[in-house]
Protein backbone atom coordinates (compact mmCIF):
# COMPACT_ATOMS: atom_id res chain seq x y z
CA MET A 1 -101.58 49.74 129.69
CA LEU A 2 -100.92 48.67 126.11
CA ASN A 3 -97.96 50.20 124.36
CA THR A 4 -99.50 50.91 120.99
CA GLN A 5 -96.74 53.19 119.78
CA PRO A 6 -95.56 52.66 116.21
CA ASP A 7 -92.07 51.25 115.71
CA ASN A 8 -91.12 54.18 113.46
CA TYR A 9 -92.27 57.55 112.16
CA PRO A 10 -95.59 57.94 114.00
CA GLU A 11 -96.05 61.31 112.28
CA LEU A 12 -96.64 59.42 108.99
CA PHE A 13 -99.81 57.72 110.21
CA PRO A 14 -102.11 60.58 109.07
CA TYR A 15 -100.58 60.33 105.59
CA VAL A 16 -101.43 56.64 105.49
CA LEU A 17 -105.02 57.64 106.27
CA ILE A 18 -104.92 60.14 103.40
CA VAL A 19 -103.76 57.42 100.99
CA MET A 20 -106.53 55.15 102.29
CA VAL A 21 -109.06 57.89 101.49
CA LEU A 22 -107.53 58.28 98.02
CA ILE A 23 -107.86 54.54 97.42
CA CYS A 24 -111.53 54.67 98.49
CA GLY A 25 -112.10 57.70 96.26
CA SER A 26 -110.50 55.90 93.36
CA CYS A 27 -112.88 52.98 93.86
CA LEU A 28 -115.87 55.33 94.10
CA SER A 29 -114.90 57.21 90.96
CA HIS A 30 -114.26 54.01 88.99
CA GLY A 31 -118.00 53.52 88.46
CA PRO A 32 -118.74 56.83 86.73
CA LEU A 33 -115.35 57.22 85.04
CA VAL A 34 -114.83 53.69 83.74
CA THR A 35 -117.82 51.37 84.09
CA ILE A 36 -120.55 53.83 83.10
CA GLN A 37 -118.47 54.88 80.09
CA ALA A 38 -118.31 51.23 79.00
CA ARG A 39 -122.07 50.99 79.49
CA LYS A 40 -122.60 54.06 77.30
CA ARG A 41 -120.36 52.59 74.58
CA ASN A 42 -122.02 49.19 74.57
CA PHE A 43 -125.63 49.77 75.66
CA GLY A 44 -126.37 52.75 73.43
CA PRO A 45 -129.88 53.85 72.40
CA GLU A 46 -129.80 51.88 69.15
CA PHE A 47 -128.75 48.69 70.94
CA MET A 48 -131.27 49.14 73.77
CA SER A 49 -134.15 49.84 71.35
CA GLN A 50 -134.42 46.11 70.61
CA PHE A 51 -135.65 45.53 74.17
CA PHE A 52 -138.22 48.33 74.26
CA GLU A 53 -141.32 46.28 73.35
CA THR A 54 -140.51 43.36 75.64
CA HIS A 55 -139.77 45.71 78.52
CA LYS A 56 -143.06 47.59 78.01
CA GLN A 57 -144.99 44.30 78.29
CA PHE A 58 -143.85 43.90 81.89
CA PHE A 59 -143.08 47.38 83.16
CA LYS A 60 -144.58 50.84 82.84
CA SER A 61 -141.15 52.45 82.69
CA ASP A 62 -138.74 52.76 79.78
CA VAL A 63 -135.86 50.38 79.37
CA ASN A 64 -132.74 51.67 81.12
CA PRO A 65 -130.61 53.58 78.57
CA VAL A 66 -127.29 52.11 79.78
CA GLY A 67 -128.39 48.53 80.26
CA PHE A 68 -129.06 48.25 83.97
CA PRO A 69 -129.55 45.77 85.62
CA ASP A 70 -127.37 43.69 83.28
CA THR A 71 -123.93 43.10 84.79
CA GLY A 72 -122.38 41.36 81.84
CA SER A 73 -124.18 38.04 81.66
CA GLY A 74 -127.84 39.00 81.41
CA ARG A 75 -130.44 39.27 78.66
CA TYR A 76 -129.05 42.46 77.20
CA CYS A 77 -125.48 41.19 76.97
CA GLU A 78 -126.66 38.00 75.29
CA GLN A 79 -127.44 40.16 72.24
CA MET A 80 -124.06 41.94 72.15
CA SER A 81 -121.30 41.25 69.70
CA TYR A 82 -118.39 39.37 71.22
CA LYS A 83 -116.21 42.49 70.95
CA ASN A 84 -118.73 44.66 72.82
CA TRP A 85 -119.31 41.95 75.43
CA ILE A 86 -115.55 41.76 76.12
CA ASP A 87 -115.26 45.56 76.26
CA PHE A 88 -118.07 45.89 78.78
CA ASN A 89 -117.03 42.91 80.88
CA ASN A 90 -113.41 44.08 81.10
CA ALA A 91 -114.56 47.39 82.59
CA PHE A 92 -117.13 45.75 84.85
CA ARG A 93 -114.77 43.03 86.09
CA CYS A 94 -112.10 45.64 86.79
CA HIS A 95 -114.54 47.61 88.92
CA LEU A 96 -115.82 44.51 90.69
CA ASN A 97 -112.25 43.49 91.54
CA PHE A 98 -111.70 46.91 93.11
CA VAL A 99 -114.88 46.61 95.17
CA GLU A 100 -114.01 43.06 96.26
CA GLN A 101 -110.50 43.99 97.37
CA LEU A 102 -111.29 47.31 99.05
CA PRO A 103 -112.35 46.00 102.50
CA ILE A 104 -109.35 43.68 102.69
CA MET A 105 -106.93 46.41 101.68
CA MET A 106 -108.36 48.97 104.09
CA VAL A 107 -108.02 46.58 107.03
CA ILE A 108 -104.49 45.41 106.28
CA ILE A 109 -103.20 48.90 105.45
CA TYR A 110 -104.62 50.24 108.71
CA LEU A 111 -103.28 47.37 110.81
CA ALA A 112 -99.85 47.59 109.18
CA ALA A 113 -99.75 51.36 109.78
CA LEU A 114 -100.36 50.99 113.51
CA LYS A 115 -96.84 49.61 113.99
CA GLN A 116 -95.09 50.35 110.69
CA PRO A 117 -96.35 53.70 109.33
CA LEU A 118 -93.45 54.17 106.90
CA ALA A 119 -93.84 50.75 105.28
CA ALA A 120 -97.63 51.13 105.20
CA LEU A 121 -97.35 54.56 103.57
CA ILE A 122 -94.97 53.31 100.88
CA LEU A 123 -96.96 50.14 100.20
CA SER A 124 -100.37 51.82 100.19
CA SER A 125 -99.08 54.54 97.85
CA MET A 126 -97.70 51.85 95.55
CA TYR A 127 -101.04 50.05 95.71
CA PHE A 128 -102.87 53.24 94.73
CA ILE A 129 -100.61 53.73 91.69
CA CYS A 130 -100.67 50.05 90.70
CA LYS A 131 -104.46 49.96 90.90
CA ILE A 132 -104.56 52.79 88.36
CA LEU A 133 -102.15 50.85 86.12
CA TYR A 134 -104.28 47.74 86.60
CA THR A 135 -107.39 49.63 85.51
CA ILE A 136 -105.73 51.20 82.47
CA GLY A 137 -104.27 47.87 81.37
CA TYR A 138 -107.48 45.93 81.92
CA VAL A 139 -109.81 48.42 80.26
CA LEU A 140 -107.60 49.29 77.28
CA LYS A 141 -106.03 45.92 76.48
CA GLY A 142 -107.95 43.29 78.42
CA PRO A 143 -107.18 40.89 81.24
CA ASN A 144 -103.66 40.04 80.10
CA LEU A 145 -102.38 43.62 80.35
CA ARG A 146 -103.87 44.04 83.82
CA GLN A 147 -100.73 42.25 85.01
CA ILE A 148 -98.78 45.53 84.89
CA GLY A 149 -100.66 46.47 88.03
CA ALA A 150 -101.80 43.05 89.28
CA LEU A 151 -98.36 41.52 89.81
CA PRO A 152 -97.05 44.31 92.04
CA ILE A 153 -100.42 44.42 93.85
CA PHE A 154 -100.05 40.73 94.68
CA PHE A 155 -96.74 41.34 96.47
CA ILE A 156 -97.94 44.58 98.08
CA LYS A 157 -101.03 42.83 99.44
CA TRP A 158 -99.07 39.93 100.95
CA THR A 159 -96.46 42.25 102.45
CA LEU A 160 -99.21 44.32 104.09
CA TYR A 161 -100.84 41.10 105.26
CA GLY A 162 -97.56 40.07 106.91
CA LEU A 163 -97.17 43.49 108.53
CA SER A 164 -100.74 43.19 109.81
CA PHE A 165 -99.83 39.94 111.53
CA TYR A 166 -96.75 41.64 112.96
CA THR A 167 -98.97 44.37 114.44
CA VAL A 168 -101.35 41.83 115.93
CA ALA A 169 -98.44 39.82 117.37
CA CYS A 170 -96.98 42.96 118.98
CA TYR A 171 -100.34 43.83 120.53
CA LEU A 172 -100.78 40.27 121.80
CA ASP A 173 -97.28 40.21 123.32
CA GLN A 174 -97.87 43.52 125.04
CA TYR A 175 -101.27 42.41 126.29
CA ARG A 176 -99.89 39.12 127.64
CA ALA A 177 -96.97 40.87 129.32
CA GLU A 178 -99.27 43.33 131.08
CA ASN A 179 -101.74 40.68 132.20
CA HIS A 180 -99.03 38.41 133.57
CA SER A 181 -97.32 41.24 135.45
CA HIS A 182 -100.43 41.71 137.61
CA ILE A 183 -100.56 38.09 138.77
């Protein structure tokens, strides 16, 4: 039978799961709290009115008031000022980065926590905080200020990745030992 016991503080594992849920919730709330707000600022009624006639030629519905389906490089954004285009794309890129990284982070946090709950709890909590700093920096001051969160996230991610490999190696060693003992 596999020994899947954590190396330390098994009672912390549920707290790692709580932080994982907080990270997911942060990603879910990013859309309405950050990206939609940028859409409202940049795709307002006055701006969107220029597309009304063209839209009516092809569709029976009204043009979307916040610029959907444009994701920053479509027909609507082509008509934006450079400043508004940057503002919207900073918010959108920030959200997309969160969505892109979420599956990776959930897997490596979980795997790391199986053997190292304390390290996983500390690192995932730091990730949660740094992702907020990343968002604030990116949205308020652009891609250069995102580094206040991005640099620590880089090291957090690779440390969790290493701990994930450690967990897998421990499981493989245990599995091999048990299978060879029956021969």
